[in-house]
Amino acid sequence: LPPDVKQRAVEREKSLVGLPFHMLASRRSTSLFYCSKIAWWAYAEEGYDLDPDGAFWVVPDRMAESDLVESISPTRGQ
């Protein structure tokens, strides 16, 4: 995704600091978040749905399968 989209998504994610964290929050809830939902929501607000299957929860495995997500491998020795 373009760098400006990524930057805005990060800013959106930062805006959620301090909100209630709840592992069972639904995808549609706008007041409760959990890790993978935070990332999904931030990009969805930019028009990029990283988990388009519409399930009740957003899970990392489905986002990892998205054509919009690039896997980053850690560099050894750093």
C-alpha atoms as a PDB file:
ATOM      1  CA  LEU A   1       0.000   0.000   0.000  1.00  0.00           C
ATOM      2  CA  PRO A   2       1.158   3.565  -0.535  1.00  0.00           C
ATOM      3  CA  PRO A   3       3.287   5.095   2.255  1.00  0.00           C
ATOM      4  CA  ASP A   4       0.730   7.844   2.933  1.00  0.00           C
ATOM      5  CA  VAL A   5      -2.006   5.252   3.520  1.00  0.00           C
ATOM      6  CA  LYS A   6       0.261   3.368   5.924  1.00  0.00           C
ATOM      7  CA  GLN A   7       1.091   6.554   7.815  1.00  0.00           C
ATOM      8  CA  ARG A   8      -2.560   7.540   8.208  1.00  0.00           C
ATOM      9  CA  ALA A   9      -3.379   4.010   9.375  1.00  0.00           C
ATOM     10  CA  VAL A  10      -0.666   4.242  12.034  1.00  0.00           C
ATOM     11  CA  GLU A  11      -2.056   7.582  13.200  1.00  0.00           C
ATOM     12  CA  ARG A  12      -5.544   6.041  13.437  1.00  0.00           C
ATOM     13  CA  GLU A  13      -4.138   3.134  15.435  1.00  0.00           C
ATOM     14  CA  LYS A  14      -2.438   5.548  17.824  1.00  0.00           C
ATOM     15  CA  SER A  15      -5.755   7.352  18.307  1.00  0.00           C
ATOM     16  CA  LEU A  16      -7.124   4.218  19.993  1.00  0.00           C
ATOM     17  CA  VAL A  17      -4.600   4.253  22.839  1.00  0.00           C
ATOM     18  CA  GLY A  18      -6.504   4.208  26.105  1.00  0.00           C
ATOM     19  CA  LEU A  19      -9.763   2.779  24.746  1.00  0.00           C
ATOM     20  CA  PRO A  20     -11.115  -0.435  26.286  1.00  0.00           C
ATOM     21  CA  PHE A  21      -9.435  -3.615  25.004  1.00  0.00           C
ATOM     22  CA  HIS A  22     -11.714  -6.623  24.700  1.00  0.00           C
ATOM     23  CA  MET A  23     -10.854  -9.922  22.998  1.00  0.00           C
ATOM     24  CA  LEU A  24     -14.486 -10.700  22.199  1.00  0.00           C
ATOM     25  CA  ALA A  25     -15.376  -7.373  20.571  1.00  0.00           C
ATOM     26  CA  SER A  26     -17.201  -7.795  17.294  1.00  0.00           C
ATOM     27  CA  ARG A  27     -15.934  -6.355  14.044  1.00  0.00           C
ATOM     28  CA  ARG A  28     -18.777  -3.840  14.068  1.00  0.00           C
ATOM     29  CA  SER A  29     -18.143  -2.489  17.574  1.00  0.00           C
ATOM     30  CA  THR A  30     -16.706   1.034  17.487  1.00  0.00           C
ATOM     31  CA  SER A  31     -15.904   1.209  21.192  1.00  0.00           C
ATOM     32  CA  LEU A  32     -14.044  -2.063  21.885  1.00  0.00           C
ATOM     33  CA  PHE A  33     -10.901  -3.224  20.109  1.00  0.00           C
ATOM     34  CA  TYR A  34      -8.262  -5.965  20.141  1.00  0.00           C
ATOM     35  CA  CYS A  35      -4.906  -6.226  18.323  1.00  0.00           C
ATOM     36  CA  SER A  36      -5.899  -7.544  14.900  1.00  0.00           C
ATOM     37  CA  LYS A  37      -9.097  -5.499  14.845  1.00  0.00           C
ATOM     38  CA  ILE A  38      -7.085  -2.321  15.456  1.00  0.00           C
ATOM     39  CA  ALA A  39      -4.956  -2.934  12.345  1.00  0.00           C
ATOM     40  CA  TRP A  40      -7.963  -4.005  10.272  1.00  0.00           C
ATOM     41  CA  TRP A  41     -10.024  -0.968  11.335  1.00  0.00           C
ATOM     42  CA  ALA A  42      -7.246   1.533  10.609  1.00  0.00           C
ATOM     43  CA  TYR A  43      -6.837   0.288   7.046  1.00  0.00           C
ATOM     44  CA  ALA A  44     -10.578  -0.161   6.500  1.00  0.00           C
ATOM     45  CA  GLU A  45     -10.977   3.539   7.314  1.00  0.00           C
ATOM     46  CA  GLU A  46      -8.575   4.180   4.408  1.00  0.00           C
ATOM     47  CA  GLY A  47     -10.693   2.005   2.099  1.00  0.00           C
ATOM     48  CA  TYR A  48      -8.555  -1.159   2.304  1.00  0.00           C
ATOM     49  CA  ASP A  49     -10.297  -4.169   3.851  1.00  0.00           C
ATOM     50  CA  LEU A  50      -7.553  -6.553   4.978  1.00  0.00           C
ATOM     51  CA  ASP A  51     -10.130  -9.176   6.047  1.00  0.00           C
ATOM     52  CA  PRO A  52     -13.032  -8.920   3.599  1.00  0.00           C
ATOM     53  CA  ASP A  53     -14.864 -12.144   4.522  1.00  0.00           C
ATOM     54  CA  GLY A  54     -17.152 -10.274   6.936  1.00  0.00           C
ATOM     55  CA  ALA A  55     -16.852 -12.718   9.846  1.00  0.00           C
ATOM     56  CA  PHE A  56     -17.846 -11.672  13.359  1.00  0.00           C
ATOM     57  CA  TRP A  57     -14.192 -11.297  14.408  1.00  0.00           C
ATOM     58  CA  VAL A  58     -11.097 -10.117  12.566  1.00  0.00           C
ATOM     59  CA  VAL A  59      -8.301 -12.654  12.916  1.00  0.00           C
ATOM     60  CA  PRO A  60      -4.620 -12.360  11.939  1.00  0.00           C
ATOM     61  CA  ASP A  61      -4.611 -15.519   9.797  1.00  0.00           C
ATOM     62  CA  ARG A  62      -7.217 -14.110   7.412  1.00  0.00           C
ATOM     63  CA  MET A  63      -5.406 -10.786   7.174  1.00  0.00           C
ATOM     64  CA  ALA A  64      -2.124 -12.600   6.434  1.00  0.00           C
ATOM     65  CA  GLU A  65      -3.820 -14.212   3.421  1.00  0.00           C
ATOM     66  CA  SER A  66      -4.901 -10.843   1.998  1.00  0.00           C
ATOM     67  CA  ASP A  67      -3.318  -9.707  -1.266  1.00  0.00           C
ATOM     68  CA  LEU A  68      -2.882  -6.316   0.424  1.00  0.00           C
ATOM     69  CA  VAL A  69      -0.607  -7.673   3.168  1.00  0.00           C
ATOM     70  CA  GLU A  70       3.108  -8.263   2.714  1.00  0.00           C
ATOM     71  CA  SER A  71       4.857 -10.619   5.101  1.00  0.00           C
ATOM     72  CA  ILE A  72       8.040  -9.200   6.600  1.00  0.00           C
ATOM     73  CA  SER A  73      10.730 -11.610   7.755  1.00  0.00           C
ATOM     74  CA  PRO A  74      13.097 -10.547  10.523  1.00  0.00           C
ATOM     75  CA  THR A  75      16.718 -10.043   9.523  1.00  0.00           C
ATOM     76  CA  ARG A  76      19.154 -12.229  11.391  1.00  0.00           C
ATOM     77  CA  GLY A  77      21.907 -10.561  13.350  1.00  0.00           C
ATOM     78  CA  GLN A  78      20.160  -7.242  13.825  1.00  0.00           C
END
